[in-house]
Amino acid sequence: MSIGDDNIQNELIIQYKEKIEEALNDCEHVYRLTIDYQMLDQKISELIISAKQDGLTDKFFWNLVHSRIPSYVNDINHKSSVKKAA
């Protein structure tokens, strides 16, 4: 990977951190005390598609999401574990 590739990767990271922050802000309610997880899920799903097209892996994208919104990732993991148990 060249220096140019590193710069592009760093720009993508910055861009997606900002997009994740924006999605979170759009979904927060009541003085930022609650999060509309259904709306956030839709916004994150759209960002995942965009991130894949830009060359970011799922795991890398989810690490970015988890670093900013760990409660959302925990909610997603809980839902998937409940579905597996059923």
C-alpha atoms as a PDB file:
ATOM      1  CA  MET A   1       0.000   0.000   0.000  1.00  0.00           C
ATOM      2  CA  SER A   2       1.445   3.349  -0.991  1.00  0.00           C
ATOM      3  CA  ILE A   3       1.321   6.682   0.796  1.00  0.00           C
ATOM      4  CA  GLY A   4      -1.449   7.800  -1.563  1.00  0.00           C
ATOM      5  CA  ASP A   5      -3.505   4.733  -0.609  1.00  0.00           C
ATOM      6  CA  ASP A   6      -2.963   5.490   3.075  1.00  0.00           C
ATOM      7  CA  ASN A   7      -4.177   9.061   2.561  1.00  0.00           C
ATOM      8  CA  ILE A   8      -7.291   7.833   0.762  1.00  0.00           C
ATOM      9  CA  GLN A   9      -7.964   5.309   3.536  1.00  0.00           C
ATOM     10  CA  ASN A  10      -7.542   8.005   6.200  1.00  0.00           C
ATOM     11  CA  GLU A  11      -9.909  10.326   4.329  1.00  0.00           C
ATOM     12  CA  LEU A  12     -12.500   7.544   4.129  1.00  0.00           C
ATOM     13  CA  ILE A  13     -12.189   6.905   7.857  1.00  0.00           C
ATOM     14  CA  ILE A  14     -12.703  10.590   8.634  1.00  0.00           C
ATOM     15  CA  GLN A  15     -15.612  10.791   6.190  1.00  0.00           C
ATOM     16  CA  TYR A  16     -17.398   7.778   7.675  1.00  0.00           C
ATOM     17  CA  LYS A  17     -16.826   8.888  11.254  1.00  0.00           C
ATOM     18  CA  GLU A  18     -18.546  12.156  10.332  1.00  0.00           C
ATOM     19  CA  LYS A  19     -21.398  10.320   8.598  1.00  0.00           C
ATOM     20  CA  ILE A  20     -21.892   8.043  11.610  1.00  0.00           C
ATOM     21  CA  GLU A  21     -21.941  11.071  13.904  1.00  0.00           C
ATOM     22  CA  GLU A  22     -24.487  12.785  11.646  1.00  0.00           C
ATOM     23  CA  ALA A  23     -26.701   9.684  11.606  1.00  0.00           C
ATOM     24  CA  LEU A  24     -26.568   9.520  15.387  1.00  0.00           C
ATOM     25  CA  ASN A  25     -27.437  13.199  15.752  1.00  0.00           C
ATOM     26  CA  ASP A  26     -30.408  12.767  13.401  1.00  0.00           C
ATOM     27  CA  CYS A  27     -31.736   9.908  15.537  1.00  0.00           C
ATOM     28  CA  GLU A  28     -31.307  11.398  18.991  1.00  0.00           C
ATOM     29  CA  HIS A  29     -34.329  12.807  20.805  1.00  0.00           C
ATOM     30  CA  VAL A  30     -35.202  14.583  24.036  1.00  0.00           C
ATOM     31  CA  TYR A  31     -32.023  16.534  24.614  1.00  0.00           C
ATOM     32  CA  ARG A  32     -29.912  13.660  23.261  1.00  0.00           C
ATOM     33  CA  LEU A  33     -31.093  11.297  25.998  1.00  0.00           C
ATOM     34  CA  THR A  34     -32.767   8.723  23.753  1.00  0.00           C
ATOM     35  CA  ILE A  35     -31.954   7.200  20.383  1.00  0.00           C
ATOM     36  CA  ASP A  36     -34.479   6.036  17.795  1.00  0.00           C
ATOM     37  CA  TYR A  37     -32.765   2.721  17.015  1.00  0.00           C
ATOM     38  CA  GLN A  38     -35.138   1.906  14.157  1.00  0.00           C
ATOM     39  CA  MET A  39     -34.235   5.117  12.342  1.00  0.00           C
ATOM     40  CA  LEU A  40     -30.553   4.667  13.203  1.00  0.00           C
ATOM     41  CA  ASP A  41     -30.651   1.123  11.832  1.00  0.00           C
ATOM     42  CA  GLN A  42     -31.937   2.419   8.509  1.00  0.00           C
ATOM     43  CA  LYS A  43     -29.256   5.123   8.317  1.00  0.00           C
ATOM     44  CA  ILE A  44     -26.463   2.706   9.273  1.00  0.00           C
ATOM     45  CA  SER A  45     -27.698   0.197   6.672  1.00  0.00           C
ATOM     46  CA  GLU A  46     -27.398   2.881   3.999  1.00  0.00           C
ATOM     47  CA  LEU A  47     -23.913   3.797   5.218  1.00  0.00           C
ATOM     48  CA  ILE A  48     -22.795   0.154   5.103  1.00  0.00           C
ATOM     49  CA  ILE A  49     -23.726  -0.076   1.432  1.00  0.00           C
ATOM     50  CA  SER A  50     -21.858   3.130   0.702  1.00  0.00           C
ATOM     51  CA  ALA A  51     -18.819   2.008   2.724  1.00  0.00           C
ATOM     52  CA  LYS A  52     -18.625  -1.280   0.806  1.00  0.00           C
ATOM     53  CA  GLN A  53     -18.686   0.618  -2.469  1.00  0.00           C
ATOM     54  CA  ASP A  54     -15.844   2.797  -1.185  1.00  0.00           C
ATOM     55  CA  GLY A  55     -13.777  -0.281  -0.296  1.00  0.00           C
ATOM     56  CA  LEU A  56     -14.208  -0.499   3.481  1.00  0.00           C
ATOM     57  CA  THR A  57     -14.783  -3.954   4.924  1.00  0.00           C
ATOM     58  CA  ASP A  58     -17.831  -4.757   7.046  1.00  0.00           C
ATOM     59  CA  LYS A  59     -15.662  -5.431  10.074  1.00  0.00           C
ATOM     60  CA  PHE A  60     -13.820  -2.134   9.728  1.00  0.00           C
ATOM     61  CA  PHE A  61     -17.072  -0.203   9.312  1.00  0.00           C
ATOM     62  CA  TRP A  62     -18.633  -1.894  12.348  1.00  0.00           C
ATOM     63  CA  ASN A  63     -15.536  -1.047  14.387  1.00  0.00           C
ATOM     64  CA  LEU A  64     -16.091   2.619  13.483  1.00  0.00           C
ATOM     65  CA  VAL A  65     -19.742   2.370  14.503  1.00  0.00           C
ATOM     66  CA  HIS A  66     -18.866   0.582  17.742  1.00  0.00           C
ATOM     67  CA  SER A  67     -16.274   3.186  18.662  1.00  0.00           C
ATOM     68  CA  ARG A  68     -18.976   5.896  18.511  1.00  0.00           C
ATOM     69  CA  ILE A  69     -22.230   4.070  19.329  1.00  0.00           C
ATOM     70  CA  PRO A  70     -21.460   0.912  21.322  1.00  0.00           C
ATOM     71  CA  SER A  71     -25.048   0.717  22.594  1.00  0.00           C
ATOM     72  CA  TYR A  72     -26.313   0.375  19.010  1.00  0.00           C
ATOM     73  CA  VAL A  73     -23.903  -2.467  18.234  1.00  0.00           C
ATOM     74  CA  ASN A  74     -24.891  -4.157  21.504  1.00  0.00           C
ATOM     75  CA  ASP A  75     -28.559  -3.836  20.499  1.00  0.00           C
ATOM     76  CA  ILE A  76     -27.864  -5.387  17.086  1.00  0.00           C
ATOM     77  CA  ASN A  77     -25.887  -8.237  18.674  1.00  0.00           C
ATOM     78  CA  HIS A  78     -28.667  -8.867  21.197  1.00  0.00           C
ATOM     79  CA  LYS A  79     -31.315  -9.000  18.459  1.00  0.00           C
ATOM     80  CA  SER A  80     -29.266 -11.461  16.412  1.00  0.00           C
ATOM     81  CA  SER A  81     -28.658 -13.726  19.429  1.00  0.00           C
ATOM     82  CA  VAL A  82     -32.394 -13.758  20.234  1.00  0.00           C
ATOM     83  CA  LYS A  83     -33.201 -14.710  16.624  1.00  0.00           C
ATOM     84  CA  LYS A  84     -30.645 -17.553  16.737  1.00  0.00           C
ATOM     85  CA  ALA A  85     -32.125 -18.893  19.969  1.00  0.00           C
ATOM     86  CA  ALA A  86     -35.660 -18.933  18.543  1.00  0.00           C
END
